[in-house]
C-alpha atoms as a PDB file:
ATOM      1  CA  MET A   1       4.960 -35.783  12.517  1.00  0.00           C
ATOM      2  CA  LYS A   2       5.726 -32.078  11.870  1.00  0.00           C
ATOM      3  CA  LEU A   3       8.132 -33.024   9.149  1.00  0.00           C
ATOM      4  CA  LEU A   4       5.320 -35.162   7.427  1.00  0.00           C
ATOM      5  CA  PHE A   5       2.977 -32.396   7.931  1.00  0.00           C
ATOM      6  CA  THR A   6       5.168 -29.849   6.341  1.00  0.00           C
ATOM      7  CA  ILE A   7       5.787 -32.137   3.537  1.00  0.00           C
ATOM      8  CA  ALA A   8       2.107 -32.506   2.711  1.00  0.00           C
ATOM      9  CA  LEU A   9       1.638 -28.857   3.061  1.00  0.00           C
ATOM     10  CA  THR A  10       4.456 -27.902   0.526  1.00  0.00           C
ATOM     11  CA  CYS A  11       2.975 -30.778  -1.684  1.00  0.00           C
ATOM     12  CA  ALA A  12      -0.663 -29.178  -1.398  1.00  0.00           C
ATOM     13  CA  LEU A  13       0.761 -25.599  -2.164  1.00  0.00           C
ATOM     14  CA  PHE A  14       2.752 -26.479  -5.127  1.00  0.00           C
ATOM     15  CA  SER A  15       0.877 -29.441  -6.700  1.00  0.00           C
ATOM     16  CA  LYS A  16      -0.767 -28.854 -10.058  1.00  0.00           C
ATOM     17  CA  GLU A  17      -4.131 -30.371 -10.572  1.00  0.00           C
ATOM     18  CA  SER A  18      -5.756 -29.444 -13.769  1.00  0.00           C
ATOM     19  CA  ARG A  19      -9.111 -28.028 -12.435  1.00  0.00           C
ATOM     20  CA  THR A  20      -9.505 -24.785 -10.577  1.00  0.00           C
ATOM     21  CA  ASN A  21     -12.388 -24.476  -8.038  1.00  0.00           C
ATOM     22  CA  GLY A  22     -13.145 -20.775  -8.105  1.00  0.00           C
ATOM     23  CA  LYS A  23     -11.327 -20.213  -4.696  1.00  0.00           C
ATOM     24  CA  LYS A  24      -8.407 -17.449  -4.752  1.00  0.00           C
ATOM     25  CA  CYS A  25      -5.856 -16.917  -2.040  1.00  0.00           C
ATOM     26  CA  PHE A  26      -2.877 -14.768  -1.615  1.00  0.00           C
ATOM     27  CA  THR A  27       0.196 -16.892  -2.301  1.00  0.00           C
ATOM     28  CA  CYS A  28       4.007 -16.345  -1.330  1.00  0.00           C
ATOM     29  CA  ALA A  29       6.968 -17.998  -0.022  1.00  0.00           C
ATOM     30  CA  PHE A  30      10.404 -16.210   0.480  1.00  0.00           C
ATOM     31  CA  GLY A  31       9.086 -12.615   0.115  1.00  0.00           C
ATOM     32  CA  ASP A  32       6.218 -10.689  -1.505  1.00  0.00           C
ATOM     33  CA  CYS A  33       2.791 -11.972  -0.592  1.00  0.00           C
ATOM     34  CA  THR A  34       0.716 -10.141  -3.066  1.00  0.00           C
ATOM     35  CA  SER A  35       0.495 -12.834  -5.806  1.00  0.00           C
ATOM     36  CA  ILE A  36      -2.760 -14.384  -6.285  1.00  0.00           C
ATOM     37  CA  LYS A  37      -3.447 -18.157  -6.912  1.00  0.00           C
ATOM     38  CA  GLU A  38      -6.334 -19.924  -8.112  1.00  0.00           C
ATOM     39  CA  CYS A  39      -6.950 -22.765  -5.880  1.00  0.00           C
ATOM     40  CA  GLU A  40      -7.466 -26.202  -7.275  1.00  0.00           C
ATOM     41  CA  GLY A  41      -9.098 -29.428  -6.576  1.00  0.00           C
ATOM     42  CA  SER A  42     -10.227 -29.962  -2.864  1.00  0.00           C
ATOM     43  CA  GLU A  43      -8.424 -26.697  -1.724  1.00  0.00           C
ATOM     44  CA  ASP A  44     -11.077 -25.046  -0.045  1.00  0.00           C
ATOM     45  CA  ARG A  45      -9.291 -22.720   2.487  1.00  0.00           C
ATOM     46  CA  CYS A  46      -6.563 -20.198   2.348  1.00  0.00           C
ATOM     47  CA  PHE A  47      -3.693 -20.384   4.871  1.00  0.00           C
ATOM     48  CA  THR A  48      -0.889 -18.246   6.401  1.00  0.00           C
ATOM     49  CA  SER A  49       1.886 -19.732   8.056  1.00  0.00           C
ATOM     50  CA  THR A  50       5.477 -19.120   9.361  1.00  0.00           C
ATOM     51  CA  VAL A  51       7.774 -21.690   8.419  1.00  0.00           C
ATOM     52  CA  PRO A  52      11.400 -21.795  10.273  1.00  0.00           C
ATOM     53  CA  ALA A  53      14.247 -21.189   7.529  1.00  0.00           C
ATOM     54  CA  VAL A  54      11.473 -19.898   4.903  1.00  0.00           C
ATOM     55  CA  GLY A  55       9.575 -17.391   6.727  1.00  0.00           C
ATOM     56  CA  LYS A  56       5.917 -16.481   5.894  1.00  0.00           C
ATOM     57  CA  VAL A  57       3.986 -18.901   3.394  1.00  0.00           C
ATOM     58  CA  LYS A  58       0.491 -18.419   2.220  1.00  0.00           C
ATOM     59  CA  GLY A  59      -1.673 -20.169  -0.277  1.00  0.00           C
ATOM     60  CA  CYS A  60      -4.490 -22.498  -0.763  1.00  0.00           C
ATOM     61  CA  THR A  61      -4.895 -25.720   1.372  1.00  0.00           C
ATOM     62  CA  SER A  62      -7.972 -27.870   2.420  1.00  0.00           C
ATOM     63  CA  GLN A  63      -9.978 -28.209   5.390  1.00  0.00           C
ATOM     64  CA  ILE A  64      -8.804 -31.715   6.377  1.00  0.00           C
ATOM     65  CA  LEU A  65      -5.339 -29.938   6.459  1.00  0.00           C
ATOM     66  CA  CYS A  66      -6.339 -26.981   8.651  1.00  0.00           C
ATOM     67  CA  PHE A  67      -8.316 -29.235  10.891  1.00  0.00           C
ATOM     68  CA  GLY A  68      -5.486 -31.841  11.155  1.00  0.00           C
ATOM     69  CA  ALA A  69      -3.018 -28.984  12.136  1.00  0.00           C
ATOM     70  CA  GLN A  70      -5.186 -27.889  14.933  1.00  0.00           C
ATOM     71  CA  ILE A  71      -5.706 -31.333  16.184  1.00  0.00           C
ATOM     72  CA  ALA A  72      -2.037 -32.207  16.266  1.00  0.00           C
ATOM     73  CA  GLN A  73      -1.218 -28.825  17.554  1.00  0.00           C
ATOM     74  CA  LEU A  74       1.652 -28.585  15.050  1.00  0.00           C
ATOM     75  CA  GLY A  75       1.735 -24.914  14.812  1.00  0.00           C
ATOM     76  CA  SER A  76       2.674 -24.915  11.178  1.00  0.00           C
ATOM     77  CA  ILE A  77      -0.551 -23.528   9.855  1.00  0.00           C
ATOM     78  CA  GLY A  78      -0.971 -20.358  11.823  1.00  0.00           C
ATOM     79  CA  ASP A  79      -4.339 -19.275  10.369  1.00  0.00           C
ATOM     80  CA  CYS A  80      -6.897 -21.048   8.003  1.00  0.00           C
ATOM     81  CA  CYS A  81      -9.761 -18.975   6.612  1.00  0.00           C
ATOM     82  CA  GLU A  82     -12.760 -19.520   4.350  1.00  0.00           C
ATOM     83  CA  GLY A  83     -13.438 -16.566   2.092  1.00  0.00           C
ATOM     84  CA  ASN A  84     -11.813 -15.492  -1.160  1.00  0.00           C
ATOM     85  CA  LEU A  85      -8.571 -13.676  -0.616  1.00  0.00           C
ATOM     86  CA  CYS A  86      -9.116 -13.871   3.081  1.00  0.00           C
ATOM     87  CA  ASN A  87      -5.487 -14.456   3.892  1.00  0.00           C
ATOM     88  CA  ASN A  88      -4.677 -10.897   2.927  1.00  0.00           C
ATOM     89  CA  ALA A  89      -1.519  -9.065   4.074  1.00  0.00           C
ATOM     90  CA  LEU A  90      -3.452  -6.299   5.701  1.00  0.00           C
ATOM     91  CA  ARG A  91      -5.459  -7.244   8.652  1.00  0.00           C
ATOM     92  CA  ILE A  92      -8.535  -5.121  10.063  1.00  0.00           C
ATOM     93  CA  GLY A  93      -6.507  -4.197  12.974  1.00  0.00           C
ATOM     94  CA  GLN A  94      -3.947  -2.666  10.900  1.00  0.00           C
ATOM     95  CA  SER A  95      -6.309  -0.784   8.621  1.00  0.00           C
ATOM     96  CA  ILE A  96      -8.220   0.436  11.612  1.00  0.00           C
ATOM     97  CA  LEU A  97      -4.851   1.838  13.004  1.00  0.00           C
ATOM     98  CA  PHE A  98      -4.054   3.599   9.623  1.00  0.00           C
ATOM     99  CA  LEU A  99      -7.381   5.318   9.625  1.00  0.00           C
ATOM    100  CA  LEU A 100      -6.968   6.534  13.130  1.00  0.00           C
ATOM    101  CA  LEU A 101      -3.468   7.849  12.498  1.00  0.00           C
ATOM    102  CA  VAL A 102      -3.872   9.574   9.206  1.00  0.00           C
ATOM    103  CA  PRO A 103      -6.269  12.379  10.519  1.00  0.00           C
ATOM    104  CA  LEU A 104      -4.328  12.615  13.483  1.00  0.00           C
ATOM    105  CA  ALA A 105      -1.016  13.237  11.537  1.00  0.00           C
ATOM    106  CA  SER A 106      -2.903  15.669   9.340  1.00  0.00           C
ATOM    107  CA  PHE A 107      -3.986  17.684  12.452  1.00  0.00           C
ATOM    108  CA  PHE A 108      -0.465  18.117  13.590  1.00  0.00           C
ATOM    109  CA  LEU A 109       1.010  18.847  10.333  1.00  0.00           C
ATOM    110  CA  PHE A 110      -1.655  21.406   9.205  1.00  0.00           C
ATOM    111  CA  ASN A 111      -2.273  23.220  12.422  1.00  0.00           C
END
């Protein structure tokens, strides 16, 4: 079942439908996750996943695949989200940590 889901996810990630739908997601496989993909067809969600032997994978997917992954508890799709570019590499927690550490570091460096 996991293999079938992984194949469907890969096909959805790399398929080429002719119509973009206005949705944008960060995309990557095997490395840098800062490229932006315009989603196509029924791809109405962004996802972030960790796949064994591949690593972090990001891209566009459909609500059905996100819901199917949750029902089957396959663990392949780690996170689905709805907003444009919502699968960004920088999470809110990381940015808050950065905002707290910069003034602290400045205090120690300049005092």
